[in-house]
Amino acid sequence: MPQQEEKKFFAVFLPMLDKQKSQHFRADHLSFLEMMRSRGHVYGNGRFVDGSGGLVIYQASSFSECEAFVNQDPYVKNGARGYEIHEWEAVWA
């Protein structure tokens, strides 16, 4: 039986680029995250209370897979948000 590839965590910062576009594409962004969560790719997400953007914790097998997910996000596709990806060694209490 082939060994299952280990999933890694990636912290993806989504800095605000355009507030109007962010408001316009918010529902699409949230639907996208829910779909990705149902497929086991999104572990958590939330906005920054200061309005500067948000954070999504993805699970993926590689940086390139995570980046492919991020580039499907309506916020990123439509120029509402930028992105910054960091592989994250999660420690859970």
C-alpha atoms as a PDB file:
ATOM      1  CA  MET A   1       0.000   0.000   0.000  1.00  0.00           C
ATOM      2  CA  PRO A   2       1.524   3.388  -0.966  1.00  0.00           C
ATOM      3  CA  GLN A   3       2.437   5.700   1.884  1.00  0.00           C
ATOM      4  CA  GLN A   4       0.151   8.741   2.177  1.00  0.00           C
ATOM      5  CA  GLU A   5       1.936  12.042   1.600  1.00  0.00           C
ATOM      6  CA  GLU A   6       2.232  14.104   4.777  1.00  0.00           C
ATOM      7  CA  LYS A   7       0.311  17.362   4.742  1.00  0.00           C
ATOM      8  CA  LYS A   8       2.100  20.500   5.878  1.00  0.00           C
ATOM      9  CA  PHE A   9       0.605  23.666   7.316  1.00  0.00           C
ATOM     10  CA  PHE A  10       0.982  27.026   5.593  1.00  0.00           C
ATOM     11  CA  ALA A  11       0.089  30.395   7.095  1.00  0.00           C
ATOM     12  CA  VAL A  12      -1.148  32.637   4.292  1.00  0.00           C
ATOM     13  CA  PHE A  13      -1.404  36.343   4.976  1.00  0.00           C
ATOM     14  CA  LEU A  14      -3.870  38.176   2.726  1.00  0.00           C
ATOM     15  CA  PRO A  15      -2.966  41.884   3.021  1.00  0.00           C
ATOM     16  CA  MET A  16      -5.597  44.381   1.915  1.00  0.00           C
ATOM     17  CA  LEU A  17      -5.018  45.854  -1.544  1.00  0.00           C
ATOM     18  CA  ASP A  18      -8.469  47.238  -2.345  1.00  0.00           C
ATOM     19  CA  LYS A  19     -11.228  47.633   0.285  1.00  0.00           C
ATOM     20  CA  GLN A  20     -14.028  48.034  -2.282  1.00  0.00           C
ATOM     21  CA  LYS A  21     -12.999  44.858  -4.126  1.00  0.00           C
ATOM     22  CA  SER A  22     -12.696  43.055  -0.788  1.00  0.00           C
ATOM     23  CA  GLN A  23     -16.276  43.986   0.092  1.00  0.00           C
ATOM     24  CA  HIS A  24     -17.496  43.055  -3.392  1.00  0.00           C
ATOM     25  CA  PHE A  25     -15.816  39.608  -3.431  1.00  0.00           C
ATOM     26  CA  ARG A  26     -16.277  38.748   0.287  1.00  0.00           C
ATOM     27  CA  ALA A  27     -19.121  36.252  -0.242  1.00  0.00           C
ATOM     28  CA  ASP A  28     -17.191  34.515  -3.052  1.00  0.00           C
ATOM     29  CA  HIS A  29     -14.054  34.395  -0.878  1.00  0.00           C
ATOM     30  CA  LEU A  30     -15.960  32.871   2.059  1.00  0.00           C
ATOM     31  CA  SER A  31     -17.656  30.309  -0.213  1.00  0.00           C
ATOM     32  CA  PHE A  32     -14.257  29.376  -1.636  1.00  0.00           C
ATOM     33  CA  LEU A  33     -12.814  28.883   1.860  1.00  0.00           C
ATOM     34  CA  GLU A  34     -15.779  26.727   2.889  1.00  0.00           C
ATOM     35  CA  MET A  35     -15.326  24.544  -0.211  1.00  0.00           C
ATOM     36  CA  MET A  36     -11.581  24.224   0.514  1.00  0.00           C
ATOM     37  CA  ARG A  37     -12.357  23.396   4.173  1.00  0.00           C
ATOM     38  CA  SER A  38     -14.752  20.634   3.087  1.00  0.00           C
ATOM     39  CA  ARG A  39     -11.935  19.156   0.973  1.00  0.00           C
ATOM     40  CA  GLY A  40      -9.521  19.208   3.930  1.00  0.00           C
ATOM     41  CA  HIS A  41      -7.320  22.054   2.660  1.00  0.00           C
ATOM     42  CA  VAL A  42      -8.313  24.923   4.998  1.00  0.00           C
ATOM     43  CA  TYR A  43      -7.680  24.451   8.690  1.00  0.00           C
ATOM     44  CA  GLY A  44      -8.671  27.921   9.882  1.00  0.00           C
ATOM     45  CA  ASN A  45      -9.188  31.479   8.718  1.00  0.00           C
ATOM     46  CA  GLY A  46     -10.094  34.941   9.958  1.00  0.00           C
ATOM     47  CA  ARG A  47      -9.790  38.643   9.366  1.00  0.00           C
ATOM     48  CA  PHE A  48      -7.539  41.068  11.206  1.00  0.00           C
ATOM     49  CA  VAL A  49      -9.631  43.406  13.361  1.00  0.00           C
ATOM     50  CA  ASP A  50      -7.562  46.417  12.276  1.00  0.00           C
ATOM     51  CA  GLY A  51      -8.826  45.979   8.680  1.00  0.00           C
ATOM     52  CA  SER A  52      -5.386  45.240   7.245  1.00  0.00           C
ATOM     53  CA  GLY A  53      -6.382  41.862   5.766  1.00  0.00           C
ATOM     54  CA  GLY A  54      -6.656  38.327   7.038  1.00  0.00           C
ATOM     55  CA  LEU A  55      -5.019  34.953   7.542  1.00  0.00           C
ATOM     56  CA  VAL A  56      -5.806  31.487   6.195  1.00  0.00           C
ATOM     57  CA  ILE A  57      -4.164  28.305   7.483  1.00  0.00           C
ATOM     58  CA  TYR A  58      -3.937  25.845   4.597  1.00  0.00           C
ATOM     59  CA  GLN A  59      -2.952  22.193   4.649  1.00  0.00           C
ATOM     60  CA  ALA A  60      -1.085  21.116   1.529  1.00  0.00           C
ATOM     61  CA  SER A  61       1.631  18.685   0.511  1.00  0.00           C
ATOM     62  CA  SER A  62       3.959  21.438  -0.765  1.00  0.00           C
ATOM     63  CA  PHE A  63       4.445  25.184  -1.080  1.00  0.00           C
ATOM     64  CA  SER A  64       3.505  25.017  -4.763  1.00  0.00           C
ATOM     65  CA  GLU A  65       0.256  23.171  -4.007  1.00  0.00           C
ATOM     66  CA  CYS A  66      -0.624  25.773  -1.379  1.00  0.00           C
ATOM     67  CA  GLU A  67       0.155  28.606  -3.792  1.00  0.00           C
ATOM     68  CA  ALA A  68      -2.086  26.979  -6.411  1.00  0.00           C
ATOM     69  CA  PHE A  69      -4.913  26.959  -3.837  1.00  0.00           C
ATOM     70  CA  VAL A  70      -4.275  30.618  -2.920  1.00  0.00           C
ATOM     71  CA  ASN A  71      -4.362  31.672  -6.568  1.00  0.00           C
ATOM     72  CA  GLN A  72      -7.901  30.238  -6.842  1.00  0.00           C
ATOM     73  CA  ASP A  73      -9.170  32.516  -4.040  1.00  0.00           C
ATOM     74  CA  PRO A  74     -11.519  35.175  -5.481  1.00  0.00           C
ATOM     75  CA  TYR A  75      -9.790  37.830  -3.348  1.00  0.00           C
ATOM     76  CA  VAL A  76      -6.438  37.055  -4.961  1.00  0.00           C
ATOM     77  CA  LYS A  77      -7.803  36.415  -8.475  1.00  0.00           C
ATOM     78  CA  ASN A  78      -9.584  39.779  -8.508  1.00  0.00           C
ATOM     79  CA  GLY A  79      -6.851  41.944  -6.966  1.00  0.00           C
ATOM     80  CA  ALA A  80      -8.626  42.583  -3.650  1.00  0.00           C
ATOM     81  CA  ARG A  81      -5.807  41.051  -1.615  1.00  0.00           C
ATOM     82  CA  GLY A  82      -2.170  40.208  -2.017  1.00  0.00           C
ATOM     83  CA  TYR A  83      -0.691  37.107  -0.411  1.00  0.00           C
ATOM     84  CA  GLU A  84       2.337  35.985   1.541  1.00  0.00           C
ATOM     85  CA  ILE A  85       2.849  32.270   2.224  1.00  0.00           C
ATOM     86  CA  HIS A  86       4.920  30.831   5.074  1.00  0.00           C
ATOM     87  CA  GLU A  87       5.300  27.141   5.843  1.00  0.00           C
ATOM     88  CA  TRP A  88       4.297  26.798   9.470  1.00  0.00           C
ATOM     89  CA  GLU A  89       5.391  24.219  12.031  1.00  0.00           C
ATOM     90  CA  ALA A  90       2.197  24.141  14.048  1.00  0.00           C
ATOM     91  CA  VAL A  91       2.259  23.325  17.758  1.00  0.00           C
ATOM     92  CA  TRP A  92      -1.126  22.540  19.251  1.00  0.00           C
ATOM     93  CA  ALA A  93      -1.874  22.705  22.976  1.00  0.00           C
END
